[in-house]
Amino acid sequence: FDSYFSNKVNSQAISDQKSSGRCWLFTGMNVLRSKTITQHDLPADFQFSQVHIFFWDQLEKANLFLQAVIDTKNLPFDDKKVEWLFKNPIGDGGQFTGVANLIDKYGLVPMDVMKETNSSNNTRIMSNLLSLRLREDGLRLRELSTKKGTTEASLQSTKLEMLKSIYQILALNLGEPPT
């Protein structure tokens, strides 16, 4: 027995992230899944919906990008921070703290409530589409911010409309999250 580790989590069936960058999400969810199966005497093949949390992760990241564009609106476009933002508007990678924060905010649902889709199993095309859309929206926000009379409230309102569009793209690719 290796006493180096202070806690042992019994493993359950393996989850396959397929061709996505969601290893961070699967790892976090599998730790919770194992404990949930044990605590609630569920079948060993029980799964939480990774796509449910991924949906909200992508929407939150889109919001962070658009807000960062607003926050950096007075910096020149060739500023390193602005360049980095537009080069990396969104991704499917993350870390365990992100899993915990998303679960705290949006909760968990079983896999049969929101199942994996082709786009969740193969995130590259959807991620490219979201990146393109966010870059376009970011450019629109920067342009709008230079117009006389543009207020912070109007930028926030425009951002909200842009997020509605991102939500629609996510819903078409991943399914509508349950209420």
N, C-alpha and C. Protein backbone atom coordinates (compact mmCIF):
# COMPACT_ATOMS: atom_id res chain seq x y z
N PHE A 1 0.85 -1.18 0.00
CA PHE A 1 0.00 0.00 0.00
C PHE A 1 0.89 1.24 0.00
N ASP A 2 0.66 2.12 -0.92
CA ASP A 2 1.43 3.36 -1.04
C ASP A 2 0.78 4.42 -0.16
N SER A 3 1.44 4.83 0.90
CA SER A 3 0.85 5.79 1.83
C SER A 3 1.16 7.24 1.46
N TYR A 4 1.75 7.45 0.31
CA TYR A 4 2.07 8.80 -0.13
C TYR A 4 0.82 9.66 -0.32
N PHE A 5 -0.25 9.07 -0.80
CA PHE A 5 -1.49 9.80 -1.04
C PHE A 5 -2.38 9.75 0.20
N SER A 6 -2.96 10.88 0.54
CA SER A 6 -3.80 10.94 1.73
C SER A 6 -5.23 10.51 1.47
N ASN A 7 -5.70 10.61 0.23
CA ASN A 7 -7.06 10.22 -0.12
C ASN A 7 -7.03 9.29 -1.32
N LYS A 8 -7.89 8.29 -1.28
CA LYS A 8 -8.02 7.38 -2.41
C LYS A 8 -9.44 7.49 -2.92
N VAL A 9 -9.58 7.74 -4.21
CA VAL A 9 -10.89 7.79 -4.84
C VAL A 9 -11.04 6.53 -5.66
N ASN A 10 -12.08 5.78 -5.37
CA ASN A 10 -12.32 4.57 -6.16
C ASN A 10 -12.69 4.97 -7.57
N SER A 11 -12.09 4.28 -8.53
CA SER A 11 -12.37 4.63 -9.92
C SER A 11 -13.60 3.90 -10.40
N GLN A 12 -14.26 4.52 -11.35
CA GLN A 12 -15.44 3.94 -11.98
C GLN A 12 -15.12 3.76 -13.46
N ALA A 13 -16.11 3.61 -14.28
CA ALA A 13 -15.89 3.46 -15.71
C ALA A 13 -15.16 4.70 -16.26
N ILE A 14 -14.37 4.49 -17.27
CA ILE A 14 -13.58 5.57 -17.87
C ILE A 14 -14.47 6.40 -18.79
N SER A 15 -14.30 7.72 -18.74
CA SER A 15 -15.01 8.64 -19.64
C SER A 15 -14.08 9.00 -20.78
N ASP A 16 -14.61 9.09 -21.98
CA ASP A 16 -13.81 9.38 -23.16
C ASP A 16 -14.09 10.80 -23.64
N GLN A 17 -13.09 11.67 -23.59
CA GLN A 17 -13.26 13.05 -24.04
C GLN A 17 -13.18 13.17 -25.55
N LYS A 18 -12.91 12.10 -26.24
CA LYS A 18 -12.79 12.05 -27.71
C LYS A 18 -11.82 13.12 -28.19
N SER A 19 -12.15 13.86 -29.23
CA SER A 19 -11.25 14.86 -29.81
C SER A 19 -11.61 16.26 -29.30
N SER A 20 -11.48 16.42 -28.00
CA SER A 20 -11.77 17.72 -27.39
C SER A 20 -10.69 18.03 -26.37
N GLY A 21 -10.60 19.27 -25.98
CA GLY A 21 -9.64 19.70 -24.99
C GLY A 21 -10.24 19.78 -23.60
N ARG A 22 -11.13 18.85 -23.30
CA ARG A 22 -11.89 18.94 -22.04
C ARG A 22 -11.38 17.99 -20.97
N CYS A 23 -10.09 17.61 -21.01
CA CYS A 23 -9.57 16.67 -20.01
C CYS A 23 -9.77 17.20 -18.60
N TRP A 24 -9.58 18.50 -18.42
CA TRP A 24 -9.77 19.15 -17.12
C TRP A 24 -11.18 18.95 -16.61
N LEU A 25 -12.15 19.03 -17.52
CA LEU A 25 -13.56 18.89 -17.18
C LEU A 25 -13.89 17.44 -16.84
N PHE A 26 -13.41 16.52 -17.66
CA PHE A 26 -13.67 15.10 -17.42
C PHE A 26 -13.05 14.64 -16.11
N THR A 27 -11.84 15.10 -15.82
CA THR A 27 -11.17 14.72 -14.58
C THR A 27 -11.97 15.20 -13.37
N GLY A 28 -12.33 16.46 -13.37
CA GLY A 28 -13.11 17.00 -12.26
C GLY A 28 -14.44 16.31 -12.08
N MET A 29 -15.12 16.09 -13.20
CA MET A 29 -16.44 15.46 -13.13
C MET A 29 -16.34 13.99 -12.69
N ASN A 30 -15.25 13.31 -13.09
CA ASN A 30 -15.10 11.90 -12.70
C ASN A 30 -14.85 11.75 -11.20
N VAL A 31 -14.15 12.70 -10.59
CA VAL A 31 -13.96 12.67 -9.14
C VAL A 31 -15.32 12.79 -8.45
N LEU A 32 -16.13 13.73 -8.91
CA LEU A 32 -17.46 13.92 -8.33
C LEU A 32 -18.36 12.72 -8.62
N ARG A 33 -18.24 12.19 -9.81
CA ARG A 33 -19.08 11.05 -10.21
C ARG A 33 -18.83 9.86 -9.29
N SER A 34 -17.57 9.57 -9.04
CA SER A 34 -17.24 8.43 -8.20
C SER A 34 -17.84 8.57 -6.81
N LYS A 35 -17.71 9.74 -6.23
CA LYS A 35 -18.28 9.98 -4.89
C LYS A 35 -19.81 9.92 -4.92
N THR A 36 -20.41 10.46 -5.98
CA THR A 36 -21.87 10.45 -6.10
C THR A 36 -22.40 9.04 -6.25
N ILE A 37 -21.73 8.23 -7.05
CA ILE A 37 -22.15 6.82 -7.23
C ILE A 37 -22.13 6.10 -5.89
N THR A 38 -21.06 6.30 -5.13
CA THR A 38 -20.93 5.65 -3.83
C THR A 38 -21.97 6.15 -2.84
N GLN A 39 -22.13 7.48 -2.75
CA GLN A 39 -23.05 8.07 -1.77
C GLN A 39 -24.52 7.76 -2.05
N HIS A 40 -24.87 7.64 -3.33
CA HIS A 40 -26.28 7.48 -3.69
C HIS A 40 -26.60 6.11 -4.28
N ASP A 41 -25.65 5.19 -4.18
CA ASP A 41 -25.83 3.82 -4.65
C ASP A 41 -26.35 3.77 -6.09
N LEU A 42 -25.67 4.51 -6.96
CA LEU A 42 -26.03 4.57 -8.38
C LEU A 42 -25.26 3.51 -9.16
N PRO A 43 -25.74 3.16 -10.35
CA PRO A 43 -25.01 2.20 -11.17
C PRO A 43 -23.62 2.73 -11.52
N ALA A 44 -22.66 1.84 -11.70
CA ALA A 44 -21.27 2.21 -11.98
C ALA A 44 -21.12 2.99 -13.28
N ASP A 45 -22.07 2.85 -14.19
CA ASP A 45 -21.95 3.57 -15.46
C ASP A 45 -22.63 4.96 -15.43
N PHE A 46 -23.09 5.39 -14.25
CA PHE A 46 -23.69 6.73 -14.13
C PHE A 46 -22.68 7.79 -14.55
N GLN A 47 -23.16 8.79 -15.27
CA GLN A 47 -22.30 9.90 -15.70
C GLN A 47 -23.03 11.22 -15.54
N PHE A 48 -22.28 12.24 -15.13
CA PHE A 48 -22.80 13.60 -15.21
C PHE A 48 -22.59 14.08 -16.64
N SER A 49 -23.37 15.06 -17.04
CA SER A 49 -23.23 15.63 -18.39
C SER A 49 -22.06 16.60 -18.43
N GLN A 50 -20.99 16.18 -19.10
CA GLN A 50 -19.85 17.07 -19.29
C GLN A 50 -20.21 18.19 -20.26
N VAL A 51 -21.09 17.90 -21.22
CA VAL A 51 -21.46 18.91 -22.21
C VAL A 51 -22.24 20.06 -21.56
N HIS A 52 -23.01 19.76 -20.52
CA HIS A 52 -23.75 20.79 -19.80
C HIS A 52 -22.79 21.82 -19.21
N ILE A 53 -21.78 21.37 -18.51
CA ILE A 53 -20.80 22.27 -17.91
C ILE A 53 -19.96 22.95 -19.01
N PHE A 54 -19.65 22.21 -20.07
CA PHE A 54 -18.86 22.78 -21.17
C PHE A 54 -19.62 23.91 -21.85
N PHE A 55 -20.92 23.76 -22.03
CA PHE A 55 -21.74 24.82 -22.62
C PHE A 55 -21.55 26.12 -21.84
N TRP A 56 -21.72 26.04 -20.53
CA TRP A 56 -21.61 27.23 -19.69
C TRP A 56 -20.18 27.75 -19.63
N ASP A 57 -19.21 26.85 -19.68
CA ASP A 57 -17.81 27.26 -19.72
C ASP A 57 -17.54 28.12 -20.95
N GLN A 58 -18.04 27.70 -22.09
CA GLN A 58 -17.80 28.44 -23.32
C GLN A 58 -18.51 29.79 -23.30
N LEU A 59 -19.71 29.85 -22.76
CA LEU A 59 -20.43 31.12 -22.67
C LEU A 59 -19.72 32.07 -21.70
N GLU A 60 -19.25 31.55 -20.58
CA GLU A 60 -18.52 32.38 -19.62
C GLU A 60 -17.23 32.92 -20.23
N LYS A 61 -16.52 32.07 -20.97
CA LYS A 61 -15.27 32.51 -21.61
C LYS A 61 -15.55 33.56 -22.68
N ALA A 62 -16.65 33.42 -23.41
CA ALA A 62 -17.03 34.43 -24.40
C ALA A 62 -17.30 35.76 -23.71
N ASN A 63 -18.00 35.71 -22.59
CA ASN A 63 -18.29 36.91 -21.83
C ASN A 63 -16.99 37.57 -21.35
N LEU A 64 -16.06 36.77 -20.84
CA LEU A 64 -14.78 37.31 -20.38
C LEU A 64 -14.02 37.99 -21.51
N PHE A 65 -14.03 37.36 -22.69
CA PHE A 65 -13.34 37.96 -23.84
C PHE A 65 -13.96 39.30 -24.20
N LEU A 66 -15.28 39.32 -24.36
CA LEU A 66 -15.94 40.57 -24.77
C LEU A 66 -15.76 41.67 -23.72
N GLN A 67 -15.80 41.30 -22.45
CA GLN A 67 -15.57 42.28 -21.40
C GLN A 67 -14.14 42.80 -21.45
N ALA A 68 -13.19 41.92 -21.71
CA ALA A 68 -11.79 42.33 -21.82
C ALA A 68 -11.59 43.29 -22.99
N VAL A 69 -12.33 43.07 -24.08
CA VAL A 69 -12.26 44.00 -25.21
C VAL A 69 -12.75 45.38 -24.78
N ILE A 70 -13.85 45.41 -24.04
CA ILE A 70 -14.37 46.69 -23.55
C ILE A 70 -13.36 47.33 -22.60
N ASP A 71 -12.79 46.53 -21.72
CA ASP A 71 -11.85 47.06 -20.73
C ASP A 71 -10.57 47.60 -21.37
N THR A 72 -10.22 47.09 -22.54
CA THR A 72 -8.98 47.53 -23.22
C THR A 72 -9.26 48.42 -24.41
N LYS A 73 -10.46 48.96 -24.49
CA LYS A 73 -10.88 49.75 -25.66
C LYS A 73 -10.00 50.95 -25.94
N ASN A 74 -9.35 51.49 -24.92
CA ASN A 74 -8.51 52.67 -25.10
C ASN A 74 -7.05 52.33 -25.44
N LEU A 75 -6.72 51.04 -25.41
CA LEU A 75 -5.37 50.63 -25.79
C LEU A 75 -5.29 50.50 -27.31
N PRO A 76 -4.13 50.79 -27.89
CA PRO A 76 -4.00 50.62 -29.34
C PRO A 76 -4.15 49.16 -29.73
N PHE A 77 -4.57 48.93 -30.96
CA PHE A 77 -4.81 47.56 -31.41
C PHE A 77 -3.53 46.73 -31.41
N ASP A 78 -2.38 47.37 -31.55
CA ASP A 78 -1.12 46.62 -31.56
C ASP A 78 -0.51 46.46 -30.17
N ASP A 79 -1.26 46.85 -29.12
CA ASP A 79 -0.83 46.59 -27.75
C ASP A 79 -0.78 45.08 -27.54
N LYS A 80 0.22 44.61 -26.82
CA LYS A 80 0.42 43.16 -26.63
C LYS A 80 -0.79 42.49 -25.96
N LYS A 81 -1.40 43.15 -25.03
CA LYS A 81 -2.58 42.58 -24.36
C LYS A 81 -3.74 42.43 -25.35
N VAL A 82 -3.97 43.46 -26.15
CA VAL A 82 -5.05 43.42 -27.14
C VAL A 82 -4.74 42.37 -28.21
N GLU A 83 -3.50 42.32 -28.65
CA GLU A 83 -3.10 41.29 -29.63
C GLU A 83 -3.37 39.90 -29.07
N TRP A 84 -2.99 39.67 -27.80
CA TRP A 84 -3.19 38.36 -27.20
C TRP A 84 -4.68 38.02 -27.12
N LEU A 85 -5.49 38.98 -26.71
CA LEU A 85 -6.94 38.74 -26.62
C LEU A 85 -7.51 38.28 -27.95
N PHE A 86 -7.18 38.99 -29.01
CA PHE A 86 -7.74 38.65 -30.31
C PHE A 86 -7.14 37.38 -30.91
N LYS A 87 -5.96 37.03 -30.48
CA LYS A 87 -5.36 35.77 -30.94
C LYS A 87 -5.97 34.58 -30.21
N ASN A 88 -6.43 34.80 -28.98
CA ASN A 88 -6.93 33.71 -28.12
C ASN A 88 -8.29 34.06 -27.52
N PRO A 89 -9.31 34.25 -28.34
CA PRO A 89 -10.60 34.68 -27.77
C PRO A 89 -11.30 33.61 -26.93
N ILE A 90 -11.09 32.34 -27.26
CA ILE A 90 -11.78 31.27 -26.52
C ILE A 90 -11.04 29.96 -26.77
N GLY A 91 -11.18 29.03 -25.86
CA GLY A 91 -10.60 27.71 -26.02
C GLY A 91 -11.40 26.73 -25.19
N ASP A 92 -11.11 25.45 -25.35
CA ASP A 92 -11.86 24.47 -24.56
C ASP A 92 -11.05 23.91 -23.40
N GLY A 93 -9.84 24.41 -23.19
CA GLY A 93 -9.02 23.99 -22.07
C GLY A 93 -9.46 24.66 -20.78
N GLY A 94 -8.98 24.15 -19.67
CA GLY A 94 -9.33 24.72 -18.39
C GLY A 94 -8.61 24.02 -17.26
N GLN A 95 -9.11 24.21 -16.05
CA GLN A 95 -8.51 23.60 -14.87
C GLN A 95 -9.60 23.27 -13.86
N PHE A 96 -9.21 22.52 -12.81
CA PHE A 96 -10.20 22.03 -11.87
C PHE A 96 -10.98 23.13 -11.18
N THR A 97 -10.34 24.24 -10.85
CA THR A 97 -11.08 25.33 -10.19
C THR A 97 -12.22 25.82 -11.09
N GLY A 98 -12.01 25.77 -12.40
CA GLY A 98 -13.07 26.14 -13.33
C GLY A 98 -14.26 25.20 -13.21
N VAL A 99 -13.98 23.91 -13.05
CA VAL A 99 -15.05 22.92 -12.89
C VAL A 99 -15.86 23.27 -11.64
N ALA A 100 -15.16 23.50 -10.54
CA ALA A 100 -15.85 23.80 -9.28
C ALA A 100 -16.69 25.07 -9.39
N ASN A 101 -16.13 26.11 -10.00
CA ASN A 101 -16.87 27.36 -10.14
C ASN A 101 -18.10 27.21 -11.03
N LEU A 102 -17.96 26.49 -12.12
CA LEU A 102 -19.09 26.28 -13.03
C LEU A 102 -20.19 25.45 -12.37
N ILE A 103 -19.80 24.43 -11.62
CA ILE A 103 -20.79 23.60 -10.92
C ILE A 103 -21.51 24.42 -9.86
N ASP A 104 -20.76 25.25 -9.14
CA ASP A 104 -21.40 26.11 -8.13
C ASP A 104 -22.43 27.03 -8.78
N LYS A 105 -22.13 27.53 -9.96
CA LYS A 105 -23.02 28.50 -10.60
C LYS A 105 -24.17 27.84 -11.37
N TYR A 106 -23.88 26.72 -12.08
CA TYR A 106 -24.87 26.15 -13.00
C TYR A 106 -25.38 24.76 -12.59
N GLY A 107 -24.78 24.16 -11.59
CA GLY A 107 -25.22 22.85 -11.14
C GLY A 107 -24.78 21.72 -12.07
N LEU A 108 -25.23 20.53 -11.72
CA LEU A 108 -24.93 19.32 -12.48
C LEU A 108 -26.22 18.69 -12.97
N VAL A 109 -26.13 18.02 -14.11
CA VAL A 109 -27.25 17.23 -14.60
C VAL A 109 -26.70 15.89 -15.06
N PRO A 110 -27.52 14.83 -15.02
CA PRO A 110 -27.07 13.54 -15.52
C PRO A 110 -26.85 13.58 -17.04
N MET A 111 -26.02 12.69 -17.52
CA MET A 111 -25.70 12.62 -18.94
C MET A 111 -26.96 12.46 -19.79
N ASP A 112 -27.95 11.71 -19.32
CA ASP A 112 -29.13 11.48 -20.17
C ASP A 112 -29.98 12.74 -20.34
N VAL A 113 -29.73 13.79 -19.56
CA VAL A 113 -30.47 15.05 -19.69
C VAL A 113 -29.85 15.94 -20.77
N MET A 114 -28.52 15.90 -20.89
CA MET A 114 -27.83 16.68 -21.93
C MET A 114 -26.64 15.85 -22.40
N LYS A 115 -26.86 15.15 -23.50
CA LYS A 115 -25.89 14.18 -24.01
C LYS A 115 -24.82 14.84 -24.88
N GLU A 116 -23.73 14.10 -25.06
CA GLU A 116 -22.66 14.54 -25.93
C GLU A 116 -23.18 14.67 -27.37
N THR A 117 -22.58 15.59 -28.11
CA THR A 117 -22.93 15.79 -29.51
C THR A 117 -21.66 15.65 -30.34
N ASN A 118 -21.80 15.66 -31.64
CA ASN A 118 -20.62 15.62 -32.50
C ASN A 118 -19.71 16.82 -32.21
N SER A 119 -20.30 17.97 -31.98
CA SER A 119 -19.52 19.18 -31.71
C SER A 119 -18.82 19.14 -30.35
N SER A 120 -19.40 18.48 -29.37
CA SER A 120 -18.72 18.39 -28.07
C SER A 120 -17.62 17.34 -28.11
N ASN A 121 -17.81 16.31 -28.90
CA ASN A 121 -16.79 15.28 -29.03
C ASN A 121 -15.64 15.70 -29.93
N ASN A 122 -15.89 16.63 -30.82
CA ASN A 122 -14.89 17.13 -31.77
C ASN A 122 -15.00 18.65 -31.77
N THR A 123 -14.32 19.29 -30.82
CA THR A 123 -14.55 20.70 -30.55
C THR A 123 -13.86 21.67 -31.51
N ARG A 124 -12.96 21.19 -32.33
CA ARG A 124 -12.14 22.09 -33.16
C ARG A 124 -12.97 23.00 -34.04
N ILE A 125 -13.94 22.48 -34.76
CA ILE A 125 -14.73 23.29 -35.70
C ILE A 125 -15.57 24.32 -34.93
N MET A 126 -16.23 23.88 -33.87
CA MET A 126 -17.04 24.81 -33.08
C MET A 126 -16.15 25.89 -32.45
N SER A 127 -15.01 25.51 -31.95
CA SER A 127 -14.09 26.46 -31.34
C SER A 127 -13.61 27.49 -32.36
N ASN A 128 -13.32 27.04 -33.56
CA ASN A 128 -12.91 27.97 -34.63
C ASN A 128 -14.05 28.93 -34.98
N LEU A 129 -15.26 28.40 -35.06
CA LEU A 129 -16.42 29.24 -35.37
C LEU A 129 -16.65 30.29 -34.26
N LEU A 130 -16.57 29.86 -33.01
CA LEU A 130 -16.73 30.79 -31.90
C LEU A 130 -15.62 31.84 -31.89
N SER A 131 -14.40 31.41 -32.15
CA SER A 131 -13.28 32.36 -32.19
C SER A 131 -13.49 33.41 -33.27
N LEU A 132 -13.90 32.97 -34.44
CA LEU A 132 -14.16 33.91 -35.54
C LEU A 132 -15.25 34.90 -35.17
N ARG A 133 -16.33 34.39 -34.62
CA ARG A 133 -17.45 35.25 -34.23
C ARG A 133 -17.04 36.25 -33.15
N LEU A 134 -16.28 35.77 -32.15
CA LEU A 134 -15.85 36.65 -31.08
C LEU A 134 -14.88 37.72 -31.57
N ARG A 135 -14.01 37.36 -32.49
CA ARG A 135 -13.12 38.38 -33.05
C ARG A 135 -13.91 39.45 -33.78
N GLU A 136 -14.90 39.03 -34.57
CA GLU A 136 -15.75 40.00 -35.28
C GLU A 136 -16.48 40.90 -34.28
N ASP A 137 -17.04 40.27 -33.24
CA ASP A 137 -17.76 41.04 -32.22
C ASP A 137 -16.81 41.97 -31.46
N GLY A 138 -15.62 41.49 -31.18
CA GLY A 138 -14.63 42.32 -30.50
C GLY A 138 -14.26 43.55 -31.32
N LEU A 139 -14.10 43.35 -32.62
CA LEU A 139 -13.80 44.49 -33.50
C LEU A 139 -14.96 45.47 -33.52
N ARG A 140 -16.18 44.96 -33.54
CA ARG A 140 -17.36 45.83 -33.52
C ARG A 140 -17.42 46.63 -32.22
N LEU A 141 -17.10 45.99 -31.09
CA LEU A 141 -17.10 46.70 -29.81
C LEU A 141 -16.05 47.80 -29.79
N ARG A 142 -14.86 47.50 -30.32
CA ARG A 142 -13.80 48.51 -30.35
C ARG A 142 -14.20 49.68 -31.25
N GLU A 143 -14.81 49.37 -32.39
CA GLU A 143 -15.25 50.43 -33.31
C GLU A 143 -16.35 51.27 -32.66
N LEU A 144 -17.30 50.60 -32.03
CA LEU A 144 -18.39 51.31 -31.37
C LEU A 144 -17.87 52.23 -30.26
N SER A 145 -16.85 51.76 -29.55
CA SER A 145 -16.32 52.55 -28.43
C SER A 145 -15.67 53.85 -28.88
N THR A 146 -15.32 53.96 -30.17
CA THR A 146 -14.68 55.19 -30.67
C THR A 146 -15.71 56.22 -31.14
N LYS A 147 -16.96 55.80 -31.26
CA LYS A 147 -17.99 56.72 -31.74
C LYS A 147 -18.41 57.68 -30.63
N LYS A 148 -18.57 58.92 -31.01
CA LYS A 148 -18.97 59.95 -30.06
C LYS A 148 -20.34 59.60 -29.47
N GLY A 149 -20.45 59.77 -28.18
CA GLY A 149 -21.71 59.52 -27.50
C GLY A 149 -21.89 58.08 -27.03
N THR A 150 -20.94 57.20 -27.33
CA THR A 150 -21.06 55.82 -26.87
C THR A 150 -20.78 55.77 -25.37
N THR A 151 -21.70 55.18 -24.65
CA THR A 151 -21.56 55.08 -23.20
C THR A 151 -21.17 53.66 -22.81
N GLU A 152 -20.71 53.53 -21.58
CA GLU A 152 -20.39 52.20 -21.05
C GLU A 152 -21.65 51.32 -21.06
N ALA A 153 -22.78 51.92 -20.76
CA ALA A 153 -24.05 51.16 -20.76
C ALA A 153 -24.37 50.64 -22.16
N SER A 154 -24.12 51.44 -23.19
CA SER A 154 -24.42 50.97 -24.55
C SER A 154 -23.45 49.86 -24.97
N LEU A 155 -22.19 49.93 -24.51
CA LEU A 155 -21.24 48.85 -24.79
C LEU A 155 -21.69 47.56 -24.10
N GLN A 156 -22.14 47.68 -22.86
CA GLN A 156 -22.61 46.50 -22.12
C GLN A 156 -23.86 45.91 -22.77
N SER A 157 -24.73 46.77 -23.25
CA SER A 157 -25.94 46.31 -23.94
C SER A 157 -25.58 45.58 -25.23
N THR A 158 -24.64 46.12 -25.96
CA THR A 158 -24.18 45.47 -27.20
C THR A 158 -23.53 44.13 -26.89
N LYS A 159 -22.74 44.09 -25.82
CA LYS A 159 -22.11 42.83 -25.40
C LYS A 159 -23.17 41.78 -25.09
N LEU A 160 -24.22 42.18 -24.42
CA LEU A 160 -25.29 41.24 -24.08
C LEU A 160 -25.93 40.67 -25.35
N GLU A 161 -26.17 41.51 -26.35
CA GLU A 161 -26.72 41.04 -27.62
C GLU A 161 -25.76 40.06 -28.30
N MET A 162 -24.47 40.35 -28.23
CA MET A 162 -23.47 39.45 -28.81
C MET A 162 -23.46 38.11 -28.09
N LEU A 163 -23.62 38.13 -26.78
CA LEU A 163 -23.65 36.88 -26.01
C LEU A 163 -24.88 36.05 -26.35
N LYS A 164 -25.98 36.70 -26.69
CA LYS A 164 -27.16 35.95 -27.13
C LYS A 164 -26.86 35.17 -28.40
N SER A 165 -26.11 35.76 -29.28
CA SER A 165 -25.70 35.09 -30.51
C SER A 165 -24.76 33.91 -30.20
N ILE A 166 -23.83 34.11 -29.29
CA ILE A 166 -22.93 33.03 -28.87
C ILE A 166 -23.74 31.90 -28.25
N TYR A 167 -24.72 32.25 -27.43
CA TYR A 167 -25.60 31.25 -26.81
C TYR A 167 -26.29 30.41 -27.90
N GLN A 168 -26.78 31.08 -28.94
CA GLN A 168 -27.44 30.36 -30.03
C GLN A 168 -26.49 29.40 -30.74
N ILE A 169 -25.27 29.84 -30.98
CA ILE A 169 -24.27 28.97 -31.62
C ILE A 169 -24.02 27.75 -30.73
N LEU A 170 -23.86 27.99 -29.44
CA LEU A 170 -23.63 26.88 -28.51
C LEU A 170 -24.83 25.94 -28.47
N ALA A 171 -26.03 26.49 -28.43
CA ALA A 171 -27.24 25.65 -28.38
C ALA A 171 -27.37 24.80 -29.64
N LEU A 172 -27.03 25.36 -30.79
CA LEU A 172 -27.10 24.59 -32.04
C LEU A 172 -26.07 23.47 -32.07
N ASN A 173 -24.92 23.70 -31.47
CA ASN A 173 -23.84 22.71 -31.48
C ASN A 173 -23.88 21.72 -30.33
N LEU A 174 -24.35 22.17 -29.18
CA LEU A 174 -24.28 21.34 -27.97
C LEU A 174 -25.65 20.96 -27.42
N GLY A 175 -26.68 21.63 -27.88
CA GLY A 175 -28.02 21.40 -27.34
C GLY A 175 -28.36 22.49 -26.34
N GLU A 176 -29.63 22.64 -26.09
CA GLU A 176 -30.13 23.64 -25.15
C GLU A 176 -29.98 23.11 -23.73
N PRO A 177 -29.33 23.87 -22.84
CA PRO A 177 -29.20 23.39 -21.46
C PRO A 177 -30.57 23.31 -20.78
N PRO A 178 -30.75 22.34 -19.91
CA PRO A 178 -32.02 22.25 -19.19
C PRO A 178 -32.17 23.40 -18.20
N THR A 179 -33.41 23.76 -17.94
CA THR A 179 -33.66 24.84 -16.97
C THR A 179 -33.88 24.24 -15.59
